[in-house]
N, C-alpha and C. Protein backbone atom coordinates (compact mmCIF):
# COMPACT_ATOMS: atom_id res chain seq x y z
N MET A 1 69.85 98.69 55.97
CA MET A 1 68.73 99.61 55.96
C MET A 1 69.08 100.86 55.15
N THR A 2 70.30 101.32 55.26
CA THR A 2 70.71 102.52 54.54
C THR A 2 70.59 102.32 53.04
N CYS A 3 70.99 101.15 52.55
CA CYS A 3 70.91 100.86 51.12
C CYS A 3 69.45 100.88 50.65
N ILE A 4 68.57 100.30 51.43
CA ILE A 4 67.15 100.28 51.07
C ILE A 4 66.59 101.70 51.08
N LYS A 5 66.95 102.48 52.10
CA LYS A 5 66.47 103.86 52.17
C LYS A 5 66.88 104.65 50.95
N GLU A 6 68.11 104.47 50.51
CA GLU A 6 68.60 105.22 49.35
C GLU A 6 67.92 104.77 48.07
N ASN A 7 67.70 103.46 47.91
CA ASN A 7 67.07 102.94 46.70
C ASN A 7 65.59 103.27 46.61
N VAL A 8 64.89 103.18 47.72
CA VAL A 8 63.45 103.42 47.73
C VAL A 8 63.14 104.90 47.90
N GLY A 9 63.97 105.60 48.63
CA GLY A 9 63.79 107.03 48.81
C GLY A 9 62.85 107.41 49.93
N PHE A 10 63.06 106.83 51.11
CA PHE A 10 62.25 107.23 52.26
C PHE A 10 63.16 107.65 53.40
N GLU A 11 62.56 108.35 54.35
CA GLU A 11 63.32 108.82 55.50
C GLU A 11 62.94 107.99 56.71
N HIS A 12 63.92 107.48 57.43
CA HIS A 12 63.69 106.66 58.61
C HIS A 12 63.91 107.53 59.84
N ALA A 13 62.87 107.67 60.66
CA ALA A 13 62.97 108.50 61.86
C ALA A 13 62.63 107.66 63.08
N LEU A 14 63.40 107.80 64.14
CA LEU A 14 63.14 107.08 65.38
C LEU A 14 62.22 107.92 66.25
N ILE A 15 61.26 107.24 66.91
CA ILE A 15 60.33 107.93 67.81
C ILE A 15 60.29 107.17 69.12
N SER A 16 59.66 107.76 70.11
CA SER A 16 59.51 107.12 71.41
C SER A 16 58.56 105.93 71.30
N GLN A 17 58.91 104.82 71.93
CA GLN A 17 58.04 103.65 71.92
C GLN A 17 56.85 103.88 72.84
N TYR A 18 55.73 103.27 72.46
CA TYR A 18 54.51 103.29 73.27
C TYR A 18 54.06 104.70 73.61
N HIS A 19 54.29 105.64 72.71
CA HIS A 19 53.89 107.02 72.93
C HIS A 19 53.24 107.52 71.64
N PRO A 20 51.93 107.28 71.47
CA PRO A 20 51.25 107.58 70.20
C PRO A 20 51.40 109.01 69.73
N ARG A 21 51.46 109.97 70.65
CA ARG A 21 51.56 111.36 70.24
C ARG A 21 52.90 111.70 69.60
N ALA A 22 53.89 110.82 69.75
CA ALA A 22 55.20 111.08 69.17
C ALA A 22 55.16 111.05 67.65
N ASN A 23 54.22 110.30 67.09
CA ASN A 23 54.12 110.21 65.64
C ASN A 23 52.65 110.22 65.24
N GLY A 24 52.02 111.35 65.38
CA GLY A 24 50.59 111.48 65.14
C GLY A 24 50.16 111.15 63.73
N ALA A 25 50.98 111.46 62.74
CA ALA A 25 50.60 111.18 61.35
C ALA A 25 50.46 109.68 61.12
N SER A 26 51.38 108.91 61.64
CA SER A 26 51.30 107.45 61.49
C SER A 26 50.11 106.89 62.26
N GLU A 27 49.88 107.41 63.45
CA GLU A 27 48.75 106.95 64.25
C GLU A 27 47.43 107.23 63.53
N ARG A 28 47.31 108.39 62.90
CA ARG A 28 46.09 108.72 62.16
C ARG A 28 45.93 107.83 60.94
N ALA A 29 47.03 107.43 60.33
CA ALA A 29 46.97 106.56 59.16
C ALA A 29 46.52 105.15 59.53
N VAL A 30 46.87 104.69 60.72
CA VAL A 30 46.52 103.34 61.17
C VAL A 30 45.10 103.29 61.74
N GLN A 31 44.59 104.41 62.20
CA GLN A 31 43.30 104.45 62.89
C GLN A 31 42.14 103.86 62.08
N PRO A 32 42.00 104.12 60.78
CA PRO A 32 40.89 103.50 60.04
C PRO A 32 40.95 101.97 60.06
N ALA A 33 42.14 101.40 59.99
CA ALA A 33 42.27 99.95 60.05
C ALA A 33 41.85 99.42 61.41
N VAL A 34 42.28 100.08 62.46
CA VAL A 34 41.91 99.67 63.82
C VAL A 34 40.40 99.76 64.00
N ASN A 35 39.79 100.85 63.57
CA ASN A 35 38.34 101.01 63.72
C ASN A 35 37.57 99.96 62.93
N THR A 36 38.03 99.64 61.72
CA THR A 36 37.37 98.64 60.89
C THR A 36 37.42 97.27 61.56
N ILE A 37 38.57 96.90 62.09
CA ILE A 37 38.70 95.60 62.77
C ILE A 37 37.86 95.57 64.04
N LYS A 38 37.83 96.67 64.79
CA LYS A 38 37.01 96.73 66.01
C LYS A 38 35.54 96.50 65.70
N LYS A 39 35.06 97.06 64.60
CA LYS A 39 33.65 96.88 64.22
C LYS A 39 33.36 95.44 63.84
N GLN A 40 34.35 94.72 63.32
CA GLN A 40 34.14 93.35 62.88
C GLN A 40 34.21 92.33 64.02
N ILE A 41 35.01 92.58 65.05
CA ILE A 41 35.19 91.56 66.08
C ILE A 41 34.03 91.48 67.05
N VAL A 42 33.35 92.55 67.32
CA VAL A 42 32.17 92.62 68.18
C VAL A 42 32.24 91.63 69.35
N GLY A 43 33.16 91.85 70.27
CA GLY A 43 33.24 91.05 71.48
C GLY A 43 34.11 89.81 71.37
N ASN A 44 34.43 89.35 70.18
CA ASN A 44 35.26 88.16 70.00
C ASN A 44 36.70 88.59 69.70
N VAL A 45 37.34 89.16 70.69
CA VAL A 45 38.65 89.77 70.52
C VAL A 45 39.72 88.74 70.14
N ALA A 46 39.55 87.50 70.54
CA ALA A 46 40.56 86.47 70.27
C ALA A 46 40.76 86.23 68.78
N ASP A 47 39.75 86.50 67.97
CA ASP A 47 39.84 86.24 66.53
C ASP A 47 40.11 87.50 65.70
N TRP A 48 40.68 88.53 66.31
CA TRP A 48 40.89 89.78 65.58
C TRP A 48 41.78 89.59 64.37
N ASP A 49 42.77 88.69 64.47
CA ASP A 49 43.71 88.51 63.36
C ASP A 49 43.06 87.91 62.13
N GLN A 50 41.96 87.20 62.31
CA GLN A 50 41.24 86.63 61.17
C GLN A 50 40.43 87.68 60.42
N LYS A 51 40.24 88.82 61.02
CA LYS A 51 39.47 89.91 60.40
C LYS A 51 40.35 90.86 59.59
N VAL A 52 41.66 90.74 59.70
CA VAL A 52 42.57 91.66 59.02
C VAL A 52 42.42 91.61 57.49
N PRO A 53 42.35 90.42 56.85
CA PRO A 53 42.22 90.41 55.39
C PRO A 53 40.96 91.12 54.88
N SER A 54 39.82 90.93 55.55
CA SER A 54 38.61 91.61 55.08
C SER A 54 38.68 93.11 55.35
N ALA A 55 39.30 93.50 56.46
CA ALA A 55 39.49 94.93 56.74
C ALA A 55 40.42 95.56 55.70
N GLN A 56 41.46 94.83 55.32
CA GLN A 56 42.39 95.33 54.31
C GLN A 56 41.69 95.48 52.96
N LEU A 57 40.88 94.50 52.58
CA LEU A 57 40.13 94.59 51.33
C LEU A 57 39.20 95.80 51.34
N PHE A 58 38.50 96.00 52.45
CA PHE A 58 37.60 97.15 52.57
C PHE A 58 38.35 98.46 52.41
N LEU A 59 39.46 98.61 53.13
CA LEU A 59 40.21 99.86 53.09
C LEU A 59 40.88 100.09 51.74
N ASN A 60 41.34 99.03 51.09
CA ASN A 60 41.96 99.17 49.77
C ASN A 60 40.95 99.46 48.67
N SER A 61 39.67 99.18 48.94
CA SER A 61 38.61 99.42 47.95
C SER A 61 37.85 100.71 48.21
N LYS A 62 38.16 101.38 49.31
CA LYS A 62 37.43 102.58 49.71
C LYS A 62 37.92 103.81 48.93
N TYR A 63 37.00 104.55 48.35
CA TYR A 63 37.31 105.75 47.58
C TYR A 63 37.90 106.82 48.50
N ASN A 64 38.95 107.48 48.04
CA ASN A 64 39.60 108.54 48.79
C ASN A 64 39.40 109.85 48.03
N ALA A 65 38.76 110.82 48.66
CA ALA A 65 38.47 112.09 48.01
C ALA A 65 39.74 112.87 47.67
N ARG A 66 40.76 112.76 48.49
CA ARG A 66 42.00 113.50 48.25
C ARG A 66 42.70 113.01 46.98
N THR A 67 42.77 111.69 46.80
CA THR A 67 43.44 111.14 45.62
C THR A 67 42.48 110.91 44.47
N LYS A 68 41.17 111.04 44.74
CA LYS A 68 40.12 110.80 43.74
C LYS A 68 40.23 109.39 43.15
N SER A 69 40.57 108.45 44.01
CA SER A 69 40.73 107.07 43.57
C SER A 69 40.72 106.16 44.79
N THR A 70 40.88 104.87 44.55
CA THR A 70 41.03 103.91 45.64
C THR A 70 42.50 103.53 45.74
N PRO A 71 42.95 103.11 46.92
CA PRO A 71 44.34 102.67 47.04
C PRO A 71 44.67 101.53 46.07
N PHE A 72 43.73 100.61 45.87
CA PHE A 72 43.96 99.49 44.96
C PHE A 72 44.21 99.97 43.54
N SER A 73 43.37 100.90 43.06
CA SER A 73 43.54 101.37 41.68
C SER A 73 44.81 102.21 41.52
N LEU A 74 45.22 102.90 42.57
CA LEU A 74 46.48 103.65 42.50
C LEU A 74 47.68 102.70 42.40
N MET A 75 47.57 101.58 43.08
CA MET A 75 48.68 100.63 43.08
C MET A 75 48.72 99.78 41.81
N PHE A 76 47.55 99.34 41.36
CA PHE A 76 47.51 98.37 40.25
C PHE A 76 46.90 98.91 38.96
N GLY A 77 46.40 100.13 39.00
CA GLY A 77 45.88 100.75 37.79
C GLY A 77 44.48 100.50 37.45
């Protein structure tokens, strides 16, 4: 893990498990994905995993005012 951290340039921090407030920034980043999947399952919770690809496509195609672009276009140009 140390080698990967040095090559990619990220910081690895340990937080408390099952305690969302311990890492609020990550929780806020995941929340749009959770909300998108919740809207798609509408009572059929057993099939939530089948909704992930369409939720990912939606979120990757959604315009972001802060970056003035979509995540897809930032990644692939």
